[in-house]
Structure formats: C-alpha cells, structure tokens
Amino acid sequence: MPLPQAHLYLEDPFREYWQFIPEKMVKVDFAFWTGRDIVAVEIDGASHIGNPNHVTKDRALLRAGVQVVHILNNELMEYGEKAIDCLLPDSITRFWRLTGEDGRQKILWSHNPLSWNMARLSATPDRKE
C-alpha cells in the first residue's frame, strides 16, 4: 500500500555523532515499504526539473538509502497506468512470486499499488508561464 504525502525523517550521513532527533524531514508524493527498503515516488512537473532544492532532497534521500523514482506529469497523462507499471520496481508491483521447477520466477499476481487514479490526482498539468 502506498503512503501518500509521506514525510520521511533523514539524518546527515556525514555527521560525526548520533543524534536522537533527525535533522531533516522531507515530503514525498508516495512512499512504499518493500519489506527491505523504502521507495519514494515523486510525481514531477516542469517546475522540478533542475530545481536545486529538488536535487538536494534527492541526494539526501539517496544517502539515507531510499530509492527514488520520478514519474513525470506528461508521462502519466500520455501513458497512464503503463507509466506506473514500467517505472516502479518489481519489489512493489510484482512482489508475489513463485520459483518454478526450471528455476525461473513465475509471477502469480501482478499488482499496481499506485493506481492510475491516485497518481493522476497527484499530477498537475505543467503551467506555461
């Protein structure tokens, strides 16, 4: 299940000492727990491209061990649910697997936890200024 508008608390990995209160909190559009890792999904418009604050946030998330997936608004509008299925990792969309006698993994159930409707609500058309 996705956690919409998730707030993640991060620590600076370069800090020399441990501190009980995390130094930074960031908001992501959706977060998932895969059983091993946290995956953050950001629905991005043109205002995010090249934005220094966005880049700094991504770096902090990556240093904290969070996998970050970006889905562009125009990808959602053009491809719909296919964009979500193609860009989210298998640990989220195809977590229920079975290994067959031949050693190959067989997908028993494909699940798209970030439904097209939920993602569409997060996407906003890019404004032309």
Protein backbone atom coordinates (compact mmCIF):
# COMPACT_ATOMS: atom_id res chain seq x y z
CA MET A 1 0.00 0.00 0.00
CA PRO A 2 1.28 3.47 -0.80
CA LEU A 3 1.69 6.09 1.87
CA PRO A 4 0.53 9.29 0.12
CA GLN A 5 2.19 12.57 1.11
CA ALA A 6 4.68 10.64 3.24
CA HIS A 7 7.08 12.54 5.49
CA LEU A 8 10.49 10.91 5.85
CA TYR A 9 12.97 11.89 8.54
CA LEU A 10 16.60 11.86 7.44
CA GLU A 11 19.96 12.13 9.13
CA ASP A 12 23.09 13.58 7.60
CA PRO A 13 25.42 10.61 6.92
CA PHE A 14 28.45 12.91 7.19
CA ARG A 15 27.67 13.83 10.79
CA GLU A 16 30.26 12.51 13.25
CA TYR A 17 27.86 11.77 16.10
CA TRP A 18 24.44 10.19 16.57
CA GLN A 19 21.52 12.42 17.48
CA PHE A 20 18.07 11.27 18.67
CA ILE A 21 16.20 13.94 16.70
CA PRO A 22 16.67 13.71 12.90
CA GLU A 23 17.96 16.88 11.27
CA LYS A 24 15.78 16.91 8.19
CA MET A 25 12.23 16.00 7.21
CA VAL A 26 11.21 15.75 3.57
CA LYS A 27 7.82 15.14 1.99
CA VAL A 28 7.46 12.78 -0.95
CA ASP A 29 4.36 12.20 -3.05
CA PHE A 30 4.21 8.49 -2.19
CA ALA A 31 6.37 6.11 -0.15
CA PHE A 32 6.40 2.31 -0.14
CA TRP A 33 7.99 -0.19 2.24
CA THR A 34 9.08 -3.27 0.26
CA GLY A 35 9.92 -5.37 3.28
CA ARG A 36 13.58 -4.38 2.94
CA ASP A 37 13.73 -0.86 1.56
CA ILE A 38 11.81 2.38 1.31
CA VAL A 39 10.92 3.54 -2.19
CA ALA A 40 9.88 7.17 -2.67
CA VAL A 41 7.81 8.09 -5.73
CA GLU A 42 7.73 11.68 -6.91
CA ILE A 43 5.24 12.94 -9.50
CA ASP A 44 7.11 15.77 -11.21
CA GLY A 45 6.16 18.70 -13.39
CA ALA A 46 8.35 21.18 -15.22
CA SER A 47 8.93 23.22 -12.05
CA HIS A 48 11.00 20.38 -10.55
CA ILE A 49 13.41 19.96 -13.46
CA GLY A 50 16.79 21.39 -12.46
CA ASN A 51 15.44 22.87 -9.22
CA PRO A 52 18.37 22.92 -6.73
CA ASN A 53 16.07 22.17 -3.78
CA HIS A 54 14.73 19.12 -5.57
CA VAL A 55 18.24 17.88 -6.35
CA THR A 56 19.35 18.39 -2.71
CA LYS A 57 16.28 16.49 -1.49
CA ASP A 58 17.02 13.58 -3.86
CA ARG A 59 20.62 13.40 -2.69
CA ALA A 60 19.55 13.34 0.98
CA LEU A 61 17.05 10.55 0.26
CA LEU A 62 19.63 8.50 -1.67
CA ARG A 63 22.25 8.92 1.08
CA ALA A 64 19.64 7.67 3.56
CA GLY A 65 19.15 4.51 1.48
CA VAL A 66 15.79 5.50 -0.01
CA GLN A 67 15.27 4.55 -3.65
CA VAL A 68 13.74 7.49 -5.53
CA VAL A 69 11.53 7.03 -8.61
CA HIS A 70 10.45 10.07 -10.62
CA ILE A 71 7.38 9.94 -12.84
CA LEU A 72 6.76 13.00 -14.99
CA ASN A 73 3.31 14.52 -15.26
CA ASN A 74 3.37 14.26 -19.04
CA GLU A 75 4.27 10.54 -18.79
CA LEU A 76 1.20 9.97 -16.63
CA MET A 77 -1.01 11.92 -18.99
CA GLU A 78 0.31 10.15 -22.10
CA TYR A 79 0.82 6.57 -20.85
CA GLY A 80 -1.48 6.37 -17.81
CA GLU A 81 -1.13 3.22 -15.75
CA LYS A 82 1.57 1.85 -18.07
CA ALA A 83 3.96 4.58 -16.84
CA ILE A 84 3.44 3.45 -13.26
CA ASP A 85 3.85 -0.23 -14.10
CA CYS A 86 7.02 0.38 -16.12
CA LEU A 87 8.75 2.77 -13.71
CA LEU A 88 8.01 1.29 -10.27
CA PRO A 89 10.36 -1.51 -9.20
CA ASP A 90 9.19 -5.13 -9.23
CA SER A 91 9.53 -5.21 -5.44
CA ILE A 92 6.39 -3.05 -5.38
CA THR A 93 4.40 -4.12 -8.44
CA ARG A 94 5.25 -7.83 -8.60
CA PHE A 95 6.10 -8.83 -5.07
CA TRP A 96 4.24 -12.14 -5.09
CA ARG A 97 6.43 -14.61 -6.97
CA LEU A 98 6.97 -18.32 -7.20
CA THR A 99 10.07 -20.12 -8.46
CA GLY A 100 9.17 -22.91 -10.85
CA GLU A 101 10.86 -26.28 -11.29
CA ASP A 102 13.04 -24.81 -14.04
CA GLY A 103 14.43 -22.23 -11.59
CA ARG A 104 12.66 -19.34 -13.26
CA GLN A 105 10.44 -16.97 -11.34
CA LYS A 106 6.77 -17.05 -12.25
CA ILE A 107 4.61 -14.09 -11.43
CA LEU A 108 1.48 -15.29 -9.66
CA TRP A 109 -0.04 -11.89 -9.14
CA SER A 110 0.78 -8.53 -10.66
CA HIS A 111 -0.33 -5.64 -8.52
CA ASN A 112 -0.21 -1.94 -9.20
CA PRO A 113 -0.41 -0.33 -5.76
CA LEU A 114 -0.17 3.21 -7.08
CA SER A 115 -3.38 3.19 -9.04
CA TRP A 116 -3.77 5.34 -12.09
CA ASN A 117 -6.47 7.41 -10.35
CA MET A 118 -4.28 8.08 -7.30
CA ALA A 119 -1.30 9.11 -9.45
CA ARG A 120 -3.49 11.24 -11.69
CA LEU A 121 -4.73 13.16 -8.66
CA SER A 122 -1.11 13.94 -7.72
CA ALA A 123 -0.16 15.04 -11.22
CA THR A 124 -0.87 18.59 -12.21
CA PRO A 125 -0.61 19.86 -15.77
CA ASP A 126 2.51 21.90 -16.34
CA ARG A 127 1.81 25.60 -16.43
CA LYS A 128 3.20 27.67 -19.25
CA GLU A 129 4.47 30.94 -17.90
